[in-house]
Protein backbone atom coordinates (compact mmCIF):
# COMPACT_ATOMS: atom_id res chain seq x y z
CA MET A 1 -95.47 -74.97 -26.87
CA SER A 2 -91.96 -75.78 -27.48
CA GLU A 3 -89.06 -74.80 -25.36
CA THR A 4 -87.75 -72.43 -27.96
CA GLY A 5 -91.04 -70.63 -28.05
CA LYS A 6 -91.08 -70.10 -24.34
CA ARG A 7 -89.69 -66.92 -23.07
CA ASN A 8 -87.31 -67.12 -20.21
CA ILE A 9 -88.22 -64.40 -17.79
CA GLU A 10 -85.82 -63.62 -15.00
CA PHE A 11 -86.92 -61.72 -12.00
CA THR A 12 -84.14 -59.86 -10.32
CA ASP A 13 -84.09 -58.05 -7.07
CA GLN A 14 -83.98 -54.27 -7.62
CA LYS A 15 -82.18 -53.67 -4.33
CA GLN A 16 -79.42 -56.04 -5.36
CA GLU A 17 -78.89 -54.11 -8.62
CA GLU A 18 -78.67 -50.81 -6.74
CA LYS A 19 -76.07 -52.30 -4.40
CA GLU A 20 -74.03 -53.46 -7.37
CA ILE A 21 -74.24 -50.01 -8.95
CA ARG A 22 -73.15 -48.40 -5.69
CA LYS A 23 -70.26 -50.84 -5.37
CA ALA A 24 -69.25 -50.12 -8.92
CA ARG A 25 -69.38 -46.38 -8.31
CA LEU A 26 -67.32 -46.67 -5.15
CA ARG A 27 -64.85 -48.92 -6.93
CA ASP A 28 -64.63 -46.44 -9.81
CA ILE A 29 -63.95 -43.58 -7.42
CA LEU A 30 -61.28 -45.48 -5.54
CA ASP A 31 -59.40 -46.76 -8.58
CA GLY A 32 -59.66 -43.44 -10.45
CA SER A 33 -61.51 -44.70 -13.51
CA LEU A 34 -64.35 -42.29 -12.71
CA LEU A 35 -62.06 -39.39 -13.66
CA THR A 36 -61.44 -40.80 -17.13
CA ARG A 37 -65.09 -40.96 -18.13
CA GLU A 38 -66.13 -38.65 -20.94
CA ILE A 39 -68.67 -36.68 -18.91
CA VAL A 40 -66.08 -35.86 -16.23
CA VAL A 41 -63.47 -34.85 -18.79
CA ASN A 42 -65.99 -32.58 -20.54
CA HIS A 43 -66.87 -30.86 -17.25
CA LEU A 44 -63.27 -30.59 -16.02
CA PRO A 45 -62.97 -26.79 -16.59
CA TYR A 46 -66.17 -26.21 -14.62
CA ILE A 47 -64.97 -28.49 -11.82
CA LEU A 48 -61.65 -26.64 -11.68
CA PHE A 49 -63.50 -23.31 -11.61
CA LEU A 50 -65.64 -24.48 -8.69
CA THR A 51 -62.52 -25.71 -6.90
CA LEU A 52 -60.88 -22.31 -7.38
CA LEU A 53 -63.98 -20.55 -6.05
CA LEU A 54 -63.95 -22.86 -3.05
CA VAL A 55 -60.31 -22.01 -2.30
CA PHE A 56 -61.06 -18.28 -2.56
CA TYR A 57 -64.10 -18.68 -0.32
CA ILE A 58 -62.09 -20.46 2.36
CA GLY A 59 -59.29 -17.90 2.14
CA ASN A 60 -61.76 -15.02 2.34
CA ARG A 61 -63.36 -16.52 5.42
CA TYR A 62 -60.03 -16.91 7.21
CA HIS A 63 -59.10 -13.35 6.26
CA ALA A 64 -62.43 -12.01 7.57
CA GLU A 65 -62.02 -13.90 10.86
CA LYS A 66 -58.50 -12.48 11.22
CA ILE A 67 -59.80 -8.94 10.68
CA ILE A 68 -62.61 -9.48 13.21
CA ARG A 69 -60.15 -10.76 15.83
CA GLN A 70 -57.86 -7.80 15.18
CA SER A 71 -60.79 -5.38 15.42
CA LEU A 72 -61.92 -6.84 18.75
CA ARG A 73 -58.37 -6.65 20.08
CA LEU A 74 -58.06 -3.01 19.02
CA GLN A 75 -61.44 -2.16 20.58
CA THR A 76 -60.37 -3.59 23.95
CA GLU A 77 -57.04 -1.76 23.69
CA LEU A 78 -58.90 1.47 22.89
CA LYS A 79 -61.12 1.04 25.95
CA GLU A 80 -58.07 0.47 28.15
CA LEU A 81 -56.27 3.52 26.73
CA ARG A 82 -59.39 5.69 27.12
CA ALA A 83 -59.69 4.65 30.78
CA LYS A 84 -55.98 5.34 31.31
CA ALA A 85 -56.29 8.78 29.67
CA ILE A 86 -59.26 9.69 31.86
CA SER A 87 -57.46 8.62 35.03
CA THR A 88 -54.28 10.49 34.00
CA ALA A 89 -56.26 13.65 33.23
CA SER A 90 -58.05 13.52 36.58
CA GLU A 91 -54.74 12.96 38.40
CA LEU A 92 -53.20 15.92 36.57
CA GLU A 93 -56.19 18.09 37.46
CA TYR A 94 -55.88 17.03 41.08
CA LEU A 95 -52.15 17.77 41.19
CA SER A 96 -52.58 21.17 39.57
CA ASN A 97 -54.81 22.41 42.39
CA GLN A 98 -53.19 25.26 44.31
CA SER A 99 -53.32 23.35 47.58
CA GLN A 100 -51.62 20.31 46.06
CA VAL A 101 -48.93 22.44 44.44
CA ALA A 102 -48.23 24.07 47.81
CA ARG A 103 -48.07 20.67 49.50
CA LEU A 104 -45.63 19.31 46.91
CA VAL A 105 -43.42 22.41 47.16
CA GLU A 106 -43.33 21.99 50.92
CA GLN A 107 -42.56 18.26 50.70
CA LYS A 108 -39.67 18.78 48.31
CA ASN A 109 -38.22 21.69 50.30
CA LEU A 110 -37.96 24.01 47.32
CA ASP A 111 -38.10 27.18 49.45
CA LEU A 112 -40.69 28.75 47.20
CA LYS A 113 -43.14 31.22 48.66
CA TYR A 114 -46.42 32.65 47.53
CA PRO A 115 -46.15 36.18 46.16
CA GLN A 116 -47.57 38.80 48.52
CA GLU A 117 -48.58 41.12 45.71
CA PRO A 118 -50.89 40.14 42.88
CA PRO A 119 -49.34 39.85 39.43
CA VAL A 120 -49.05 43.02 37.37
CA LYS A 121 -50.22 43.15 33.81
CA ILE A 122 -47.74 44.76 31.43
CA VAL A 123 -49.38 46.76 28.69
CA LYS A 124 -47.53 48.08 25.70
CA LYS A 125 -48.75 51.40 24.43
CA LYS A 126 -49.49 51.54 20.76
CA THR A 127 -47.62 54.16 18.82
CA LYS A 128 -48.56 55.53 15.49
CA ARG A 129 -46.14 54.73 12.73
CA LYS A 130 -45.34 57.24 10.07
CA ARG A 131 -45.04 56.09 6.56
């Protein structure tokens, strides 16, 4: 066989080719030539749509977290106000006892005395009206 009839077969390392492809892809990304390829340009509206959805998703998450924090803050404030209302109501009930009223009147020297006679109910008699 002659030399022209012989086939030259080259054996290449598959791992080396993959490394070269990866380097080329990384190089394309870094220099921006990846964005000018036809497939990327054809899918640009879809990519922009996905980017817009991503921005809305992130914004929605921040908004939801803000509402949750505000809700928790309002719940703790409500618990505090409920406890304050209960304590104020019990204090008012305590101070409105007859014995406490008498003690406060005596402390403040108001010269008020208990009535000796019970209160009298005033009743108005109904009269018939003529028309």
